[in-house]
């Protein structure tokens, strides 16, 4: 079964964040290309840095934020799950 995928590259400057959002009925993979920051997942914060790979399952609220004195660059791949 083919899935519809979308992808993109994100560049966050010092202290910038993507904003809290949900994967809703999909899944998302994020690959940190460079920099350091934090990821907030279900109200828990974790450090992230280059070469980290993050997976967010369906209905997962998350946010990615660059460090106050640094930038972070990453790619994401999002897949909407097929309707049941």
N, C-alpha and C. Protein backbone atom coordinates (compact mmCIF):
# COMPACT_ATOMS: atom_id res chain seq x y z
N UNK A 1 0.84 -1.17 0.00
CA UNK A 1 0.00 0.00 0.00
C UNK A 1 0.89 1.24 0.00
N UNK A 2 0.63 2.14 -0.90
CA UNK A 2 1.39 3.40 -0.97
C UNK A 2 0.87 4.37 0.08
N UNK A 3 1.78 5.12 0.64
CA UNK A 3 1.42 6.16 1.59
C UNK A 3 1.80 7.51 1.03
N UNK A 4 1.06 8.51 1.39
CA UNK A 4 1.39 9.86 0.98
C UNK A 4 2.40 10.42 1.97
N UNK A 5 3.55 10.83 1.46
CA UNK A 5 4.62 11.37 2.30
C UNK A 5 4.84 12.83 1.97
N UNK A 6 5.23 13.59 2.97
CA UNK A 6 5.70 14.95 2.74
C UNK A 6 6.99 15.11 3.52
N UNK A 7 7.83 16.02 3.06
CA UNK A 7 9.11 16.22 3.73
C UNK A 7 9.52 17.68 3.61
N UNK A 8 10.52 18.04 4.40
CA UNK A 8 11.01 19.40 4.35
C UNK A 8 12.27 19.55 5.16
N UNK A 9 12.88 20.71 5.00
CA UNK A 9 14.09 21.07 5.74
C UNK A 9 13.73 22.27 6.61
N UNK A 10 14.14 22.24 7.87
CA UNK A 10 13.83 23.31 8.81
C UNK A 10 15.14 23.87 9.37
N UNK A 11 15.24 25.20 9.39
CA UNK A 11 16.39 25.89 9.96
C UNK A 11 15.86 26.81 11.07
N UNK A 12 16.27 26.56 12.30
CA UNK A 12 15.86 27.40 13.43
C UNK A 12 17.06 28.18 13.93
N UNK A 13 16.90 29.49 14.06
CA UNK A 13 17.96 30.34 14.60
C UNK A 13 17.95 30.32 16.12
N UNK A 14 18.89 31.01 16.72
CA UNK A 14 19.06 31.04 18.18
C UNK A 14 17.74 31.23 18.91
N UNK A 15 17.40 30.26 19.75
CA UNK A 15 16.20 30.35 20.59
C UNK A 15 14.88 30.15 19.87
N UNK A 16 14.91 30.00 18.56
CA UNK A 16 13.66 29.79 17.81
C UNK A 16 13.09 28.40 18.05
N UNK A 17 11.79 28.27 17.88
CA UNK A 17 11.16 26.96 18.01
C UNK A 17 10.12 26.80 16.92
N UNK A 18 9.80 25.55 16.63
CA UNK A 18 8.83 25.25 15.58
C UNK A 18 7.41 25.47 16.09
N UNK A 19 7.21 25.29 17.39
CA UNK A 19 5.89 25.45 17.99
C UNK A 19 5.24 24.10 18.26
N UNK A 20 4.54 24.03 19.35
CA UNK A 20 3.88 22.78 19.75
C UNK A 20 2.83 22.41 18.71
N UNK A 21 2.91 21.18 18.22
CA UNK A 21 1.93 20.68 17.25
C UNK A 21 1.83 19.17 17.39
N UNK A 22 0.84 18.58 16.75
CA UNK A 22 0.57 17.15 16.86
C UNK A 22 0.74 16.47 15.50
N UNK A 23 1.12 15.22 15.54
CA UNK A 23 1.18 14.43 14.32
C UNK A 23 -0.22 14.04 13.83
N UNK A 24 -1.21 14.25 14.68
CA UNK A 24 -2.60 13.90 14.40
C UNK A 24 -2.69 12.44 13.95
N UNK A 25 -3.21 12.19 12.76
CA UNK A 25 -3.38 10.80 12.29
C UNK A 25 -2.20 10.35 11.44
N UNK A 26 -1.01 10.78 11.79
CA UNK A 26 0.16 10.42 11.00
C UNK A 26 1.35 10.07 11.86
N UNK A 27 2.49 9.89 11.19
CA UNK A 27 3.76 9.60 11.85
C UNK A 27 4.80 10.55 11.27
N UNK A 28 5.81 10.87 12.07
CA UNK A 28 6.85 11.78 11.62
C UNK A 28 8.21 11.30 12.07
N UNK A 29 9.17 11.41 11.17
CA UNK A 29 10.57 11.13 11.50
C UNK A 29 11.35 12.42 11.28
N UNK A 30 12.21 12.75 12.24
CA UNK A 30 13.05 13.94 12.17
C UNK A 30 14.50 13.51 12.29
N UNK A 31 15.35 14.02 11.40
CA UNK A 31 16.79 13.74 11.46
C UNK A 31 17.50 15.08 11.68
N UNK A 32 18.20 15.18 12.82
CA UNK A 32 18.92 16.40 13.15
C UNK A 32 20.22 16.42 12.34
N UNK A 33 20.37 17.43 11.48
CA UNK A 33 21.55 17.52 10.62
C UNK A 33 22.71 18.23 11.30
N UNK A 34 22.40 19.31 12.03
CA UNK A 34 23.45 20.04 12.74
C UNK A 34 22.83 20.87 13.85
N UNK A 35 23.68 21.23 14.80
CA UNK A 35 23.24 22.07 15.90
C UNK A 35 22.78 21.28 17.11
N UNK A 36 22.32 22.04 18.10
CA UNK A 36 21.82 21.45 19.34
C UNK A 36 20.56 22.18 19.76
N UNK A 37 19.72 21.46 20.50
CA UNK A 37 18.49 22.06 20.97
C UNK A 37 17.77 21.11 21.90
N UNK A 38 16.47 21.28 21.96
CA UNK A 38 15.64 20.41 22.80
C UNK A 38 14.40 20.01 22.02
N UNK A 39 13.87 18.86 22.40
CA UNK A 39 12.59 18.43 21.88
C UNK A 39 11.66 18.23 23.07
N UNK A 40 10.45 18.73 22.95
CA UNK A 40 9.43 18.54 23.96
C UNK A 40 8.45 17.51 23.41
N UNK A 41 8.27 16.41 24.15
CA UNK A 41 7.36 15.35 23.74
C UNK A 41 6.46 15.02 24.92
N UNK A 42 5.17 15.20 24.73
CA UNK A 42 4.20 14.91 25.79
C UNK A 42 4.62 15.52 27.13
N UNK A 43 4.98 16.79 27.11
CA UNK A 43 5.35 17.57 28.30
C UNK A 43 6.67 17.17 28.94
N UNK A 44 7.51 16.41 28.25
CA UNK A 44 8.85 16.09 28.73
C UNK A 44 9.86 16.65 27.74
N UNK A 45 10.94 17.25 28.27
CA UNK A 45 11.95 17.87 27.41
C UNK A 45 13.22 17.03 27.40
N UNK A 46 13.81 16.88 26.19
CA UNK A 46 15.02 16.09 26.02
C UNK A 46 16.01 16.86 25.15
N UNK A 47 17.31 16.74 25.43
CA UNK A 47 18.31 17.38 24.57
C UNK A 47 18.44 16.63 23.25
N UNK A 48 18.69 17.37 22.18
CA UNK A 48 18.93 16.77 20.87
C UNK A 48 20.13 17.44 20.22
N UNK A 49 20.80 16.70 19.33
CA UNK A 49 21.95 17.25 18.62
C UNK A 49 22.14 16.50 17.31
N UNK A 50 23.11 16.94 16.52
CA UNK A 50 23.38 16.37 15.20
C UNK A 50 23.43 14.86 15.24
N UNK A 51 22.87 14.24 14.24
CA UNK A 51 22.81 12.79 14.03
C UNK A 51 21.72 12.09 14.84
N UNK A 52 20.97 12.81 15.67
CA UNK A 52 19.84 12.20 16.37
C UNK A 52 18.70 11.97 15.38
N UNK A 53 17.98 10.88 15.56
CA UNK A 53 16.80 10.57 14.76
C UNK A 53 15.63 10.44 15.72
N UNK A 54 14.57 11.20 15.46
CA UNK A 54 13.40 11.22 16.32
C UNK A 54 12.21 10.62 15.59
N UNK A 55 11.39 9.88 16.31
CA UNK A 55 10.16 9.32 15.75
C UNK A 55 8.99 9.78 16.61
N UNK A 56 7.95 10.29 15.95
CA UNK A 56 6.73 10.71 16.62
C UNK A 56 5.57 9.90 16.04
N UNK A 57 4.96 9.07 16.87
CA UNK A 57 3.82 8.27 16.44
C UNK A 57 2.56 9.10 16.35
N UNK A 58 1.45 8.49 15.95
CA UNK A 58 0.18 9.20 15.85
C UNK A 58 -0.23 9.86 17.18
N UNK A 59 -0.85 11.01 17.06
CA UNK A 59 -1.38 11.76 18.22
C UNK A 59 -0.28 12.19 19.20
N UNK A 60 0.91 12.46 18.71
CA UNK A 60 2.02 12.87 19.58
C UNK A 60 2.26 14.37 19.46
N UNK A 61 2.06 15.09 20.57
CA UNK A 61 2.38 16.52 20.59
C UNK A 61 3.87 16.68 20.80
N UNK A 62 4.48 17.59 20.01
CA UNK A 62 5.91 17.79 20.13
C UNK A 62 6.29 19.19 19.65
N UNK A 63 7.49 19.61 20.07
CA UNK A 63 8.05 20.91 19.70
C UNK A 63 9.56 20.76 19.66
N UNK A 64 10.20 21.41 18.72
CA UNK A 64 11.66 21.41 18.61
C UNK A 64 12.13 22.85 18.74
N UNK A 65 13.17 23.04 19.56
CA UNK A 65 13.67 24.38 19.84
C UNK A 65 15.20 24.40 19.75
N UNK A 66 15.74 25.45 19.12
CA UNK A 66 17.19 25.64 19.05
C UNK A 66 17.69 26.21 20.37
N UNK A 67 18.96 25.94 20.67
CA UNK A 67 19.57 26.51 21.87
C UNK A 67 19.59 28.04 21.76
N UNK A 68 19.69 28.69 22.91
CA UNK A 68 19.71 30.16 22.93
C UNK A 68 20.93 30.71 22.20
N UNK A 69 22.03 29.98 22.23
CA UNK A 69 23.24 30.43 21.55
C UNK A 69 23.65 29.42 20.49
N UNK A 70 22.76 29.18 19.56
CA UNK A 70 23.06 28.24 18.50
C UNK A 70 21.89 28.07 17.55
N UNK A 71 22.12 27.32 16.52
CA UNK A 71 21.09 27.04 15.53
C UNK A 71 20.90 25.54 15.45
N UNK A 72 19.81 25.15 14.84
CA UNK A 72 19.57 23.73 14.60
C UNK A 72 18.94 23.58 13.21
N UNK A 73 19.40 22.55 12.50
CA UNK A 73 18.91 22.28 11.16
C UNK A 73 18.48 20.82 11.12
N UNK A 74 17.29 20.57 10.57
CA UNK A 74 16.82 19.19 10.49
C UNK A 74 15.93 18.97 9.28
N UNK A 75 15.77 17.71 8.93
CA UNK A 75 14.80 17.31 7.90
C UNK A 75 13.71 16.49 8.57
N UNK A 76 12.52 16.56 8.01
CA UNK A 76 11.43 15.75 8.53
C UNK A 76 10.75 15.02 7.38
N UNK A 77 10.19 13.87 7.70
CA UNK A 77 9.38 13.10 6.77
C UNK A 77 8.08 12.77 7.51
N UNK A 78 6.97 13.15 6.92
CA UNK A 78 5.66 12.95 7.54
C UNK A 78 4.84 12.03 6.66
N UNK A 79 4.17 11.07 7.29
CA UNK A 79 3.31 10.14 6.58
C UNK A 79 1.94 10.12 7.24
N UNK A 80 0.92 10.43 6.47
CA UNK A 80 -0.43 10.33 6.99
C UNK A 80 -0.87 8.88 6.90
N UNK A 81 -1.35 8.33 7.99
CA UNK A 81 -1.77 6.93 8.00
C UNK A 81 -3.03 6.75 7.18
N UNK A 82 -3.17 5.62 6.50
CA UNK A 82 -4.38 5.39 5.71
C UNK A 82 -5.62 5.30 6.60
N UNK A 83 -6.74 5.73 6.07
CA UNK A 83 -8.01 5.65 6.82
C UNK A 83 -8.35 4.18 7.04
N UNK A 84 -8.94 3.91 8.21
CA UNK A 84 -9.31 2.52 8.55
C UNK A 84 -10.61 2.15 7.91
